[in-house]
Amino acid sequence: MAQGTFWNFAREEYNRGGGQAPGDEPLRRFVKACPPFQAMVLAIMMLLYGRCVREDNIPGSYRADRLDVLMATYLPYCDAFVTKDSKQETCLREIASEADIDASVSKYGRFRTGLAAL
């Protein structure tokens, strides 16, 4: 059985949408074939980590608003994701990296500066 927090959340979310819990191999294939699903599960884990596990006194923050983090579901459809929220940028950049999603995540100011340089 696929173990670990990621796989437990993935199985639960798949079960919620599909009505039955998949076996390990079908679940692994589904996660690999559906990057938005993988990004969504990672976003849920990021939300829990930022609010429940991570100490508040550690520099940096993964405490973006819930809907801002769940925007990770759209990353596989983007070449570039632009935000004005630094906490959202931090979270989505981490999720894109972990999920091996080839989307750049940047703050609006950097994006605008890059456009001006063209």
N, C-alpha and C. Protein backbone atom coordinates (compact mmCIF):
# COMPACT_ATOMS: atom_id res chain seq x y z
N MET A 1 0.84 -1.18 0.00
CA MET A 1 0.00 0.00 0.00
C MET A 1 0.88 1.24 0.00
N ALA A 2 0.59 2.19 -0.90
CA ALA A 2 1.33 3.44 -0.95
C ALA A 2 1.14 4.15 0.38
N GLN A 3 2.24 4.50 1.00
CA GLN A 3 2.16 5.09 2.32
C GLN A 3 2.66 6.52 2.31
N GLY A 4 2.36 7.20 3.34
CA GLY A 4 2.79 8.58 3.50
C GLY A 4 1.61 9.52 3.39
N THR A 5 1.83 10.70 3.89
CA THR A 5 0.77 11.69 3.94
C THR A 5 0.25 12.04 2.54
N PHE A 6 1.16 12.23 1.59
CA PHE A 6 0.72 12.58 0.24
C PHE A 6 -0.22 11.52 -0.31
N TRP A 7 0.17 10.25 -0.23
CA TRP A 7 -0.63 9.18 -0.80
C TRP A 7 -1.95 8.99 -0.05
N ASN A 8 -1.95 9.22 1.24
CA ASN A 8 -3.21 9.14 2.00
C ASN A 8 -4.18 10.23 1.55
N PHE A 9 -3.67 11.45 1.39
CA PHE A 9 -4.54 12.53 0.90
C PHE A 9 -4.99 12.27 -0.52
N ALA A 10 -4.07 11.81 -1.37
CA ALA A 10 -4.43 11.54 -2.76
C ALA A 10 -5.53 10.48 -2.84
N ARG A 11 -5.39 9.43 -2.06
CA ARG A 11 -6.39 8.36 -2.06
C ARG A 11 -7.74 8.89 -1.58
N GLU A 12 -7.72 9.70 -0.54
CA GLU A 12 -8.97 10.25 0.01
C GLU A 12 -9.66 11.18 -0.99
N GLU A 13 -8.89 12.03 -1.65
CA GLU A 13 -9.47 12.95 -2.64
C GLU A 13 -9.99 12.18 -3.86
N TYR A 14 -9.25 11.19 -4.29
CA TYR A 14 -9.71 10.36 -5.41
C TYR A 14 -11.01 9.66 -5.04
N ASN A 15 -11.07 9.12 -3.84
CA ASN A 15 -12.27 8.44 -3.34
C ASN A 15 -13.45 9.41 -3.29
N ARG A 16 -13.21 10.64 -2.86
CA ARG A 16 -14.27 11.63 -2.76
C ARG A 16 -14.86 11.92 -4.14
N GLY A 17 -14.03 12.00 -5.15
CA GLY A 17 -14.52 12.31 -6.49
C GLY A 17 -14.97 11.09 -7.27
N GLY A 18 -14.29 9.96 -7.05
CA GLY A 18 -14.57 8.77 -7.85
C GLY A 18 -15.48 7.77 -7.19
N GLY A 19 -15.73 7.93 -5.89
CA GLY A 19 -16.65 7.04 -5.21
C GLY A 19 -16.06 5.73 -4.74
N GLN A 20 -14.78 5.51 -5.01
CA GLN A 20 -14.13 4.30 -4.50
C GLN A 20 -12.64 4.54 -4.37
N ALA A 21 -12.04 3.93 -3.39
CA ALA A 21 -10.60 4.09 -3.17
C ALA A 21 -9.85 3.20 -4.15
N PRO A 22 -8.89 3.77 -4.90
CA PRO A 22 -8.14 2.97 -5.86
C PRO A 22 -7.02 2.18 -5.19
N GLY A 23 -6.53 1.19 -5.88
CA GLY A 23 -5.36 0.47 -5.41
C GLY A 23 -4.13 1.35 -5.62
N ASP A 24 -2.99 0.88 -5.14
CA ASP A 24 -1.76 1.67 -5.22
C ASP A 24 -1.35 2.01 -6.65
N GLU A 25 -1.29 1.02 -7.50
CA GLU A 25 -0.81 1.25 -8.86
C GLU A 25 -1.76 2.16 -9.65
N PRO A 26 -3.08 1.94 -9.61
CA PRO A 26 -3.97 2.89 -10.31
C PRO A 26 -3.86 4.32 -9.76
N LEU A 27 -3.67 4.45 -8.46
CA LEU A 27 -3.53 5.78 -7.86
C LEU A 27 -2.25 6.45 -8.34
N ARG A 28 -1.16 5.73 -8.35
CA ARG A 28 0.12 6.29 -8.83
C ARG A 28 0.02 6.70 -10.31
N ARG A 29 -0.62 5.86 -11.12
CA ARG A 29 -0.79 6.20 -12.54
C ARG A 29 -1.66 7.45 -12.70
N PHE A 30 -2.72 7.53 -11.90
CA PHE A 30 -3.61 8.69 -11.99
C PHE A 30 -2.88 9.98 -11.60
N VAL A 31 -2.14 9.94 -10.52
CA VAL A 31 -1.40 11.13 -10.07
C VAL A 31 -0.40 11.55 -11.14
N LYS A 32 0.27 10.59 -11.74
CA LYS A 32 1.24 10.90 -12.79
C LYS A 32 0.56 11.46 -14.04
N ALA A 33 -0.60 10.95 -14.37
CA ALA A 33 -1.32 11.36 -15.59
C ALA A 33 -2.12 12.66 -15.40
N CYS A 34 -2.35 13.06 -14.17
CA CYS A 34 -3.20 14.22 -13.91
C CYS A 34 -2.47 15.24 -13.02
N PRO A 35 -1.60 16.05 -13.61
CA PRO A 35 -0.85 17.04 -12.82
C PRO A 35 -1.72 18.00 -12.00
N PRO A 36 -2.92 18.42 -12.47
CA PRO A 36 -3.73 19.28 -11.62
C PRO A 36 -4.14 18.59 -10.31
N PHE A 37 -4.39 17.30 -10.38
CA PHE A 37 -4.75 16.56 -9.16
C PHE A 37 -3.55 16.53 -8.22
N GLN A 38 -2.38 16.24 -8.75
CA GLN A 38 -1.18 16.21 -7.92
C GLN A 38 -0.94 17.58 -7.28
N ALA A 39 -1.10 18.65 -8.05
CA ALA A 39 -0.90 19.99 -7.51
C ALA A 39 -1.93 20.30 -6.43
N MET A 40 -3.18 19.85 -6.60
CA MET A 40 -4.21 20.09 -5.61
C MET A 40 -3.87 19.38 -4.30
N VAL A 41 -3.43 18.13 -4.38
CA VAL A 41 -3.08 17.40 -3.16
C VAL A 41 -1.89 18.07 -2.47
N LEU A 42 -0.90 18.50 -3.24
CA LEU A 42 0.23 19.20 -2.65
C LEU A 42 -0.21 20.52 -2.02
N ALA A 43 -1.17 21.21 -2.64
CA ALA A 43 -1.69 22.45 -2.07
C ALA A 43 -2.37 22.20 -0.73
N ILE A 44 -3.15 21.15 -0.64
CA ILE A 44 -3.80 20.80 0.63
C ILE A 44 -2.75 20.51 1.70
N MET A 45 -1.72 19.78 1.31
CA MET A 45 -0.65 19.49 2.26
C MET A 45 0.08 20.77 2.68
N MET A 46 0.30 21.69 1.73
CA MET A 46 0.96 22.96 2.02
C MET A 46 0.13 23.77 3.02
N LEU A 47 -1.19 23.78 2.83
CA LEU A 47 -2.06 24.50 3.75
C LEU A 47 -1.98 23.93 5.16
N LEU A 48 -2.02 22.62 5.26
CA LEU A 48 -1.94 21.99 6.58
C LEU A 48 -0.58 22.24 7.23
N TYR A 49 0.47 22.12 6.44
CA TYR A 49 1.81 22.36 6.96
C TYR A 49 1.96 23.79 7.47
N GLY A 50 1.53 24.75 6.66
CA GLY A 50 1.69 26.16 7.01
C GLY A 50 0.90 26.57 8.24
N ARG A 51 -0.22 25.92 8.48
CA ARG A 51 -1.08 26.31 9.59
C ARG A 51 -0.96 25.43 10.82
N CYS A 52 -0.58 24.18 10.63
CA CYS A 52 -0.64 23.23 11.75
C CYS A 52 0.72 22.69 12.21
N VAL A 53 1.70 22.66 11.32
CA VAL A 53 2.96 22.00 11.65
C VAL A 53 4.10 22.99 11.81
N ARG A 54 4.23 23.88 10.86
CA ARG A 54 5.38 24.79 10.82
C ARG A 54 5.32 25.79 11.97
N GLU A 55 6.45 25.99 12.62
CA GLU A 55 6.53 26.96 13.72
C GLU A 55 6.41 28.37 13.17
N ASP A 56 5.75 29.24 13.89
CA ASP A 56 5.53 30.62 13.44
C ASP A 56 6.81 31.45 13.43
N ASN A 57 7.79 31.09 14.25
CA ASN A 57 8.99 31.92 14.37
C ASN A 57 10.07 31.61 13.33
N ILE A 58 9.80 30.71 12.39
CA ILE A 58 10.75 30.39 11.33
C ILE A 58 10.59 31.43 10.22
N PRO A 59 11.71 31.99 9.71
CA PRO A 59 11.60 32.99 8.64
C PRO A 59 10.91 32.42 7.40
N GLY A 60 10.26 33.31 6.65
CA GLY A 60 9.50 32.89 5.48
C GLY A 60 8.13 32.43 5.92
N SER A 61 7.23 32.32 4.98
CA SER A 61 5.89 31.92 5.35
C SER A 61 5.23 31.11 4.26
N TYR A 62 4.52 30.08 4.67
CA TYR A 62 3.70 29.29 3.76
C TYR A 62 2.23 29.48 4.12
N ARG A 63 1.89 30.62 4.72
CA ARG A 63 0.53 30.85 5.18
C ARG A 63 -0.26 31.77 4.26
N ALA A 64 -0.26 31.46 3.01
CA ALA A 64 -1.11 32.19 2.07
C ALA A 64 -2.56 31.78 2.33
N ASP A 65 -3.48 32.59 1.86
CA ASP A 65 -4.90 32.25 2.02
C ASP A 65 -5.22 30.94 1.31
N ARG A 66 -6.23 30.26 1.80
CA ARG A 66 -6.59 28.94 1.29
C ARG A 66 -6.84 28.94 -0.22
N LEU A 67 -7.65 29.85 -0.70
CA LEU A 67 -7.95 29.86 -2.13
C LEU A 67 -6.72 30.23 -2.97
N ASP A 68 -5.85 31.07 -2.41
CA ASP A 68 -4.62 31.42 -3.13
C ASP A 68 -3.74 30.19 -3.33
N VAL A 69 -3.66 29.34 -2.33
CA VAL A 69 -2.83 28.13 -2.44
C VAL A 69 -3.50 27.11 -3.36
N LEU A 70 -4.80 26.99 -3.29
CA LEU A 70 -5.50 26.04 -4.15
C LEU A 70 -5.45 26.43 -5.63
N MET A 71 -5.01 27.65 -5.93
CA MET A 71 -4.78 28.05 -7.32
C MET A 71 -3.68 27.20 -7.96
N ALA A 72 -2.95 26.45 -7.15
CA ALA A 72 -1.91 25.54 -7.67
C ALA A 72 -2.50 24.57 -8.68
N THR A 73 -3.78 24.29 -8.56
CA THR A 73 -4.45 23.38 -9.48
C THR A 73 -4.33 23.87 -10.93
N TYR A 74 -4.19 25.17 -11.13
CA TYR A 74 -4.09 25.74 -12.47
C TYR A 74 -2.65 25.76 -13.01
N LEU A 75 -1.66 25.53 -12.18
CA LEU A 75 -0.26 25.62 -12.62
C LEU A 75 0.07 24.76 -13.85
N PRO A 76 -0.44 23.52 -13.95
CA PRO A 76 -0.11 22.74 -15.14
C PRO A 76 -0.60 23.34 -16.45
N TYR A 77 -1.54 24.27 -16.37
CA TYR A 77 -2.09 24.89 -17.58
C TYR A 77 -1.40 26.21 -17.92
N CYS A 78 -0.43 26.62 -17.09
CA CYS A 78 0.21 27.93 -17.26
C CYS A 78 1.67 27.80 -17.68
N ASP A 79 2.10 28.76 -18.50
CA ASP A 79 3.54 28.93 -18.71
C ASP A 79 4.08 29.85 -17.63
N ALA A 80 3.26 30.84 -17.27
CA ALA A 80 3.64 31.80 -16.23
C ALA A 80 2.43 32.09 -15.35
N PHE A 81 2.66 32.08 -14.05
CA PHE A 81 1.62 32.43 -13.09
C PHE A 81 2.12 33.69 -12.38
N VAL A 82 1.34 34.76 -12.46
CA VAL A 82 1.75 36.04 -11.91
C VAL A 82 0.84 36.39 -10.74
N THR A 83 1.43 36.82 -9.64
CA THR A 83 0.67 37.18 -8.45
C THR A 83 1.26 38.43 -7.82
N LYS A 84 0.45 39.11 -7.05
CA LYS A 84 0.94 40.27 -6.30
C LYS A 84 1.18 39.89 -4.83
N ASP A 85 0.83 38.68 -4.46
CA ASP A 85 0.90 38.19 -3.08
C ASP A 85 2.18 37.37 -2.89
N SER A 86 3.10 37.84 -2.05
CA SER A 86 4.37 37.14 -1.87
C SER A 86 4.20 35.78 -1.21
N LYS A 87 3.22 35.63 -0.33
CA LYS A 87 2.99 34.32 0.30
C LYS A 87 2.46 33.32 -0.72
N GLN A 88 1.58 33.77 -1.60
CA GLN A 88 1.08 32.89 -2.65
C GLN A 88 2.23 32.50 -3.58
N GLU A 89 3.07 33.45 -3.92
CA GLU A 89 4.21 33.16 -4.79
C GLU A 89 5.09 32.07 -4.16
N THR A 90 5.40 32.20 -2.88
CA THR A 90 6.24 31.23 -2.19
C THR A 90 5.61 29.84 -2.24
N CYS A 91 4.34 29.76 -1.93
CA CYS A 91 3.65 28.47 -1.91
C CYS A 91 3.58 27.84 -3.30
N LEU A 92 3.15 28.62 -4.28
CA LEU A 92 2.98 28.05 -5.62
C LEU A 92 4.32 27.68 -6.25
N ARG A 93 5.35 28.45 -5.97
CA ARG A 93 6.67 28.11 -6.49
C ARG A 93 7.13 26.77 -5.90
N GLU A 94 6.90 26.57 -4.62
CA GLU A 94 7.28 25.31 -3.96
C GLU A 94 6.49 24.13 -4.52
N ILE A 95 5.19 24.32 -4.73
CA ILE A 95 4.35 23.26 -5.27
C ILE A 95 4.76 22.93 -6.70
N ALA A 96 5.01 23.94 -7.52
CA ALA A 96 5.44 23.70 -8.91
C ALA A 96 6.75 22.93 -8.94
N SER A 97 7.65 23.26 -8.04
CA SER A 97 8.93 22.57 -7.98
C SER A 97 8.74 21.11 -7.56
N GLU A 98 7.97 20.90 -6.52
CA GLU A 98 7.76 19.54 -6.01
C GLU A 98 7.03 18.67 -7.02
N ALA A 99 6.08 19.25 -7.74
CA ALA A 99 5.30 18.48 -8.72
C ALA A 99 5.97 18.42 -10.09
N ASP A 100 7.12 19.07 -10.22
CA ASP A 100 7.84 19.13 -11.49
C ASP A 100 6.96 19.71 -12.59
N ILE A 101 6.28 20.80 -12.25
CA ILE A 101 5.42 21.51 -13.20
C ILE A 101 6.25 22.65 -13.80
N ASP A 102 6.28 22.71 -15.10
CA ASP A 102 7.11 23.68 -15.81
C ASP A 102 6.37 24.99 -16.00
N ALA A 103 6.05 25.66 -14.89
CA ALA A 103 5.40 26.97 -14.93
C ALA A 103 6.22 27.90 -14.06
N SER A 104 6.52 29.08 -14.58
CA SER A 104 7.23 30.04 -13.74
C SER A 104 6.20 30.75 -12.86
N VAL A 105 6.57 30.97 -11.62
CA VAL A 105 5.71 31.69 -10.69
C VAL A 105 6.47 32.94 -10.28
N SER A 106 5.87 34.10 -10.49
CA SER A 106 6.59 35.32 -10.16
C SER A 106 5.64 36.39 -9.65
N LYS A 107 6.24 37.35 -8.97
CA LYS A 107 5.49 38.50 -8.49
C LYS A 107 5.23 39.44 -9.65
N TYR A 108 4.18 40.22 -9.54
CA TYR A 108 3.77 41.13 -10.61
C TYR A 108 4.89 42.11 -10.97
N GLY A 109 5.57 42.65 -9.97
CA GLY A 109 6.62 43.63 -10.23
C GLY A 109 7.73 43.06 -11.10
N ARG A 110 8.17 41.85 -10.79
CA ARG A 110 9.22 41.21 -11.61
C ARG A 110 8.71 40.91 -13.01
N PHE A 111 7.47 40.46 -13.09
CA PHE A 111 6.87 40.18 -14.39
C PHE A 111 6.82 41.45 -15.24
N ARG A 112 6.38 42.55 -14.65
CA ARG A 112 6.27 43.83 -15.36
C ARG A 112 7.65 44.33 -15.79
N THR A 113 8.63 44.21 -14.92
CA THR A 113 10.00 44.61 -15.26
C THR A 113 10.52 43.80 -16.43
N GLY A 114 10.22 42.50 -16.44
CA GLY A 114 10.64 41.64 -17.55
C GLY A 114 9.99 42.06 -18.86
N LEU A 115 8.74 42.46 -18.81
CA LEU A 115 8.04 42.93 -20.01
C LEU A 115 8.65 44.23 -20.51
N ALA A 116 8.98 45.12 -19.59
CA ALA A 116 9.55 46.41 -19.97
C ALA A 116 10.91 46.24 -20.64
N ALA A 117 11.62 45.18 -20.26
CA ALA A 117 12.95 44.92 -20.83
C ALA A 117 12.88 44.42 -22.26
N LEU A 118 11.70 43.95 -22.68
CA LEU A 118 11.56 43.42 -24.04
C LEU A 118 11.65 44.51 -25.02
